[in-house]
C-alpha atoms as a PDB file:
ATOM      1  CA  UNK A   1     -15.913 -14.812 -56.943  1.00  0.00           C
ATOM      2  CA  UNK A   2     -16.014 -11.060 -56.549  1.00  0.00           C
ATOM      3  CA  UNK A   3     -18.010 -11.359 -53.299  1.00  0.00           C
ATOM      4  CA  UNK A   4     -15.451 -13.698 -51.646  1.00  0.00           C
ATOM      5  CA  UNK A   5     -12.551 -11.375 -52.667  1.00  0.00           C
ATOM      6  CA  UNK A   6     -14.336  -8.390 -50.995  1.00  0.00           C
ATOM      7  CA  UNK A   7     -14.991 -10.566 -47.843  1.00  0.00           C
ATOM      8  CA  UNK A   8     -11.337 -11.591 -47.779  1.00  0.00           C
ATOM      9  CA  UNK A   9     -10.262  -7.916 -48.020  1.00  0.00           C
ATOM     10  CA  UNK A  10     -12.538  -6.857 -45.155  1.00  0.00           C
ATOM     11  CA  UNK A  11     -11.268  -9.782 -43.050  1.00  0.00           C
ATOM     12  CA  UNK A  12      -7.608  -8.782 -43.635  1.00  0.00           C
ATOM     13  CA  UNK A  13      -8.342  -5.163 -42.691  1.00  0.00           C
ATOM     14  CA  UNK A  14     -10.143  -6.179 -39.484  1.00  0.00           C
ATOM     15  CA  UNK A  15      -7.316  -8.574 -38.525  1.00  0.00           C
ATOM     16  CA  UNK A  16      -4.659  -5.875 -39.099  1.00  0.00           C
ATOM     17  CA  UNK A  17      -6.670  -3.446 -36.977  1.00  0.00           C
ATOM     18  CA  UNK A  18      -6.933  -5.873 -34.100  1.00  0.00           C
ATOM     19  CA  UNK A  19      -3.200  -6.782 -34.253  1.00  0.00           C
ATOM     20  CA  UNK A  20      -2.276  -3.086 -34.475  1.00  0.00           C
ATOM     21  CA  UNK A  21      -4.324  -2.214 -31.367  1.00  0.00           C
ATOM     22  CA  UNK A  22      -2.812  -5.141 -29.458  1.00  0.00           C
ATOM     23  CA  UNK A  23       0.695  -3.903 -30.307  1.00  0.00           C
ATOM     24  CA  UNK A  24      -0.102  -0.490 -28.825  1.00  0.00           C
ATOM     25  CA  UNK A  25      -0.252  -1.849 -25.273  1.00  0.00           C
ATOM     26  CA  UNK A  26       2.843  -0.992 -23.230  1.00  0.00           C
ATOM     27  CA  UNK A  27       2.691  -3.764 -20.643  1.00  0.00           C
ATOM     28  CA  UNK A  28       3.120  -7.538 -20.827  1.00  0.00           C
ATOM     29  CA  UNK A  29       0.211  -9.659 -19.635  1.00  0.00           C
ATOM     30  CA  UNK A  30       2.279 -10.962 -16.775  1.00  0.00           C
ATOM     31  CA  UNK A  31       3.478  -7.576 -15.543  1.00  0.00           C
ATOM     32  CA  UNK A  32       1.844  -6.411 -12.259  1.00  0.00           C
ATOM     33  CA  UNK A  33      -0.645  -3.617 -12.552  1.00  0.00           C
ATOM     34  CA  UNK A  34       0.303  -0.005 -11.727  1.00  0.00           C
ATOM     35  CA  UNK A  35      -0.387   0.893  -8.160  1.00  0.00           C
ATOM     36  CA  UNK A  36      -0.318   3.751  -5.729  1.00  0.00           C
ATOM     37  CA  UNK A  37      -2.619   6.627  -5.032  1.00  0.00           C
ATOM     38  CA  UNK A  38      -4.036   6.716  -8.500  1.00  0.00           C
ATOM     39  CA  UNK A  39      -0.815   6.765 -10.534  1.00  0.00           C
ATOM     40  CA  UNK A  40       2.046   4.563 -11.618  1.00  0.00           C
ATOM     41  CA  UNK A  41       4.679   6.782 -10.011  1.00  0.00           C
ATOM     42  CA  UNK A  42       5.330   4.418  -7.076  1.00  0.00           C
ATOM     43  CA  UNK A  43       3.465   6.646  -4.577  1.00  0.00           C
ATOM     44  CA  UNK A  44       0.910   5.170  -2.235  1.00  0.00           C
ATOM     45  CA  UNK A  45      -1.368   7.586  -0.373  1.00  0.00           C
ATOM     46  CA  UNK A  46      -2.129   6.632   3.253  1.00  0.00           C
ATOM     47  CA  UNK A  47      -4.497   8.257   5.747  1.00  0.00           C
ATOM     48  CA  UNK A  48      -4.038   7.941   9.460  1.00  0.00           C
ATOM     49  CA  UNK A  49      -6.725   9.011  11.946  1.00  0.00           C
ATOM     50  CA  UNK A  50      -8.394   7.918  15.101  1.00  0.00           C
ATOM     51  CA  UNK A  51      -8.389   4.745  14.979  1.00  0.00           C
ATOM     52  CA  UNK A  52      -7.405   3.665  11.501  1.00  0.00           C
ATOM     53  CA  UNK A  53      -4.479   3.384   9.078  1.00  0.00           C
ATOM     54  CA  UNK A  54      -5.931   3.383   5.572  1.00  0.00           C
ATOM     55  CA  UNK A  55      -3.836   3.024   2.378  1.00  0.00           C
ATOM     56  CA  UNK A  56      -5.541   4.097  -0.857  1.00  0.00           C
ATOM     57  CA  UNK A  57      -4.699   0.648  -2.319  1.00  0.00           C
ATOM     58  CA  UNK A  58      -4.193  -2.788  -0.767  1.00  0.00           C
ATOM     59  CA  UNK A  59      -1.317  -3.814  -2.993  1.00  0.00           C
ATOM     60  CA  UNK A  60       1.510  -2.328  -4.966  1.00  0.00           C
ATOM     61  CA  UNK A  61       4.382  -3.500  -7.154  1.00  0.00           C
ATOM     62  CA  UNK A  62       7.746  -4.155  -5.548  1.00  0.00           C
ATOM     63  CA  UNK A  63      10.532  -1.609  -5.848  1.00  0.00           C
ATOM     64  CA  UNK A  64      10.933   1.978  -4.807  1.00  0.00           C
ATOM     65  CA  UNK A  65       7.791   3.203  -3.099  1.00  0.00           C
ATOM     66  CA  UNK A  66       6.978   6.527  -1.500  1.00  0.00           C
ATOM     67  CA  UNK A  67       4.198   6.515   1.089  1.00  0.00           C
ATOM     68  CA  UNK A  68       2.481   9.891   1.309  1.00  0.00           C
ATOM     69  CA  UNK A  69       0.878   9.825   4.784  1.00  0.00           C
ATOM     70  CA  UNK A  70      -1.764  12.365   5.738  1.00  0.00           C
ATOM     71  CA  UNK A  71      -2.969  12.661   9.315  1.00  0.00           C
ATOM     72  CA  UNK A  72      -6.680  13.454   9.056  1.00  0.00           C
ATOM     73  CA  UNK A  73      -7.148  12.890  12.837  1.00  0.00           C
ATOM     74  CA  UNK A  74      -6.925  15.212  15.808  1.00  0.00           C
ATOM     75  CA  UNK A  75      -4.016  13.484  17.551  1.00  0.00           C
ATOM     76  CA  UNK A  76      -0.375  12.989  16.563  1.00  0.00           C
ATOM     77  CA  UNK A  77       0.224   9.591  14.959  1.00  0.00           C
ATOM     78  CA  UNK A  78       3.035   7.472  13.512  1.00  0.00           C
ATOM     79  CA  UNK A  79       3.352   5.366  10.373  1.00  0.00           C
ATOM     80  CA  UNK A  80       5.413   2.251  10.891  1.00  0.00           C
ATOM     81  CA  UNK A  81       6.045  -0.404   8.203  1.00  0.00           C
ATOM     82  CA  UNK A  82       6.744  -4.028   9.138  1.00  0.00           C
ATOM     83  CA  UNK A  83       7.400  -6.973   6.920  1.00  0.00           C
ATOM     84  CA  UNK A  84       5.561  -9.990   8.328  1.00  0.00           C
ATOM     85  CA  UNK A  85       3.278 -12.867   7.556  1.00  0.00           C
ATOM     86  CA  UNK A  86       1.481 -12.387  10.856  1.00  0.00           C
ATOM     87  CA  UNK A  87      -2.089 -11.100  10.962  1.00  0.00           C
ATOM     88  CA  UNK A  88      -2.136  -7.341  11.770  1.00  0.00           C
ATOM     89  CA  UNK A  89      -3.904  -8.111  15.049  1.00  0.00           C
ATOM     90  CA  UNK A  90      -1.290 -10.720  16.106  1.00  0.00           C
ATOM     91  CA  UNK A  91       1.916  -8.698  16.186  1.00  0.00           C
ATOM     92  CA  UNK A  92       4.066  -9.177  19.295  1.00  0.00           C
ATOM     93  CA  UNK A  93       3.302  -6.523  21.942  1.00  0.00           C
ATOM     94  CA  UNK A  94       4.945  -5.046  25.003  1.00  0.00           C
ATOM     95  CA  UNK A  95       3.287  -4.618  28.382  1.00  0.00           C
ATOM     96  CA  UNK A  96       2.021  -1.160  27.431  1.00  0.00           C
ATOM     97  CA  UNK A  97       0.149  -2.489  24.348  1.00  0.00           C
ATOM     98  CA  UNK A  98       2.602  -1.182  21.830  1.00  0.00           C
ATOM     99  CA  UNK A  99       4.120  -3.444  19.168  1.00  0.00           C
ATOM    100  CA  UNK A 100       7.507  -4.799  20.165  1.00  0.00           C
ATOM    101  CA  UNK A 101       9.391  -3.561  17.095  1.00  0.00           C
ATOM    102  CA  UNK A 102      12.124  -6.141  17.637  1.00  0.00           C
ATOM    103  CA  UNK A 103       9.630  -8.957  18.341  1.00  0.00           C
ATOM    104  CA  UNK A 104       9.587 -12.377  16.784  1.00  0.00           C
ATOM    105  CA  UNK A 105       7.930 -12.742  13.378  1.00  0.00           C
ATOM    106  CA  UNK A 106       8.232  -9.136  12.304  1.00  0.00           C
ATOM    107  CA  UNK A 107      10.888  -7.037  10.553  1.00  0.00           C
ATOM    108  CA  UNK A 108      10.775  -3.297  11.083  1.00  0.00           C
ATOM    109  CA  UNK A 109      11.301  -1.623   7.711  1.00  0.00           C
ATOM    110  CA  UNK A 110      11.055   2.136   8.430  1.00  0.00           C
ATOM    111  CA  UNK A 111       8.757   4.695   9.991  1.00  0.00           C
ATOM    112  CA  UNK A 112       7.604   8.288  10.200  1.00  0.00           C
ATOM    113  CA  UNK A 113       7.302   9.542  13.791  1.00  0.00           C
ATOM    114  CA  UNK A 114       5.147  12.399  15.052  1.00  0.00           C
ATOM    115  CA  UNK A 115       2.829  13.110  12.157  1.00  0.00           C
ATOM    116  CA  UNK A 116       0.869  16.037  13.552  1.00  0.00           C
ATOM    117  CA  UNK A 117      -2.849  16.481  12.819  1.00  0.00           C
ATOM    118  CA  UNK A 118      -3.525  18.080   9.448  1.00  0.00           C
ATOM    119  CA  UNK A 119      -0.047  17.405   8.009  1.00  0.00           C
ATOM    120  CA  UNK A 120       1.299  15.112   5.315  1.00  0.00           C
ATOM    121  CA  UNK A 121       4.738  13.444   5.507  1.00  0.00           C
ATOM    122  CA  UNK A 122       6.488  11.101   3.081  1.00  0.00           C
ATOM    123  CA  UNK A 123       8.459   7.928   3.558  1.00  0.00           C
ATOM    124  CA  UNK A 124      10.537   6.535   0.674  1.00  0.00           C
ATOM    125  CA  UNK A 125      11.438   2.827   0.916  1.00  0.00           C
ATOM    126  CA  UNK A 126      12.414  -0.072  -1.295  1.00  0.00           C
ATOM    127  CA  UNK A 127      10.150  -3.059  -0.722  1.00  0.00           C
ATOM    128  CA  UNK A 128      10.435  -6.606  -1.989  1.00  0.00           C
ATOM    129  CA  UNK A 129       7.454  -8.758  -2.718  1.00  0.00           C
ATOM    130  CA  UNK A 130       5.763  -9.963   0.437  1.00  0.00           C
ATOM    131  CA  UNK A 131       3.301  -9.183   3.165  1.00  0.00           C
ATOM    132  CA  UNK A 132       3.519  -6.058   5.271  1.00  0.00           C
ATOM    133  CA  UNK A 133       1.593  -4.381   8.070  1.00  0.00           C
ATOM    134  CA  UNK A 134       1.251  -0.649   8.671  1.00  0.00           C
ATOM    135  CA  UNK A 135       0.588   0.529  12.212  1.00  0.00           C
ATOM    136  CA  UNK A 136       0.650   3.521  14.506  1.00  0.00           C
ATOM    137  CA  UNK A 137       2.733   2.624  17.542  1.00  0.00           C
ATOM    138  CA  UNK A 138       1.975   5.674  19.741  1.00  0.00           C
ATOM    139  CA  UNK A 139       1.209   4.951  23.382  1.00  0.00           C
ATOM    140  CA  UNK A 140      -0.078   7.820  25.494  1.00  0.00           C
ATOM    141  CA  UNK A 141      -1.893   8.435  28.777  1.00  0.00           C
ATOM    142  CA  UNK A 142      -5.557   9.274  28.577  1.00  0.00           C
ATOM    143  CA  UNK A 143      -7.256   9.948  31.904  1.00  0.00           C
ATOM    144  CA  UNK A 144      -4.426   8.179  33.723  1.00  0.00           C
ATOM    145  CA  UNK A 145      -4.715   5.055  31.561  1.00  0.00           C
ATOM    146  CA  UNK A 146      -2.241   3.957  28.837  1.00  0.00           C
ATOM    147  CA  UNK A 147      -3.760   4.102  25.386  1.00  0.00           C
ATOM    148  CA  UNK A 148      -2.085   2.147  22.572  1.00  0.00           C
ATOM    149  CA  UNK A 149      -3.036   3.372  19.124  1.00  0.00           C
ATOM    150  CA  UNK A 150      -2.184  -0.111  17.728  1.00  0.00           C
ATOM    151  CA  UNK A 151      -4.587  -1.742  20.232  1.00  0.00           C
ATOM    152  CA  UNK A 152      -7.332   0.767  19.319  1.00  0.00           C
ATOM    153  CA  UNK A 153      -7.192  -0.434  15.649  1.00  0.00           C
ATOM    154  CA  UNK A 154      -4.512   1.548  13.894  1.00  0.00           C
ATOM    155  CA  UNK A 155      -3.178  -1.401  11.867  1.00  0.00           C
ATOM    156  CA  UNK A 156      -3.688  -2.770   8.401  1.00  0.00           C
ATOM    157  CA  UNK A 157      -2.313  -5.456   6.085  1.00  0.00           C
ATOM    158  CA  UNK A 158      -0.548  -4.528   2.815  1.00  0.00           C
ATOM    159  CA  UNK A 159       0.786  -6.689   0.032  1.00  0.00           C
ATOM    160  CA  UNK A 160       3.713  -6.001  -2.271  1.00  0.00           C
ATOM    161  CA  UNK A 161       3.689  -8.052  -5.492  1.00  0.00           C
END
């Protein structure tokens, strides 16, 4: 009888420890994970460069989000946010290869223009759950030819949950 009383006591202590540890968690199981550039502050780090737009994460939680955009390239770039269910390569374009920001199937959210090489700029927006695309919409002449940064690959999908 003494052995089963000791076993019962050990079981109760173990059960209380497990329940106590579970109660220490600060998030519900159905709450989306923290996101951003390594913190839960609502900041998402993004790098732009020739010829890529690269967020540090592919998804973030809906709400107030600050994009911290660093231009690690040699040219001046933009950071434009669109809400869309279109593939990043299928956005409506103008004759010069730029994205038609008023085109069908996309909703322009906001942008940072003229991000010079070696600088970081921030964009604070409120985003609802959905699909988004980030692009650089700069078009310039290179050796007499128009060069669209979007067409050269500066586009990426992003999801807000």
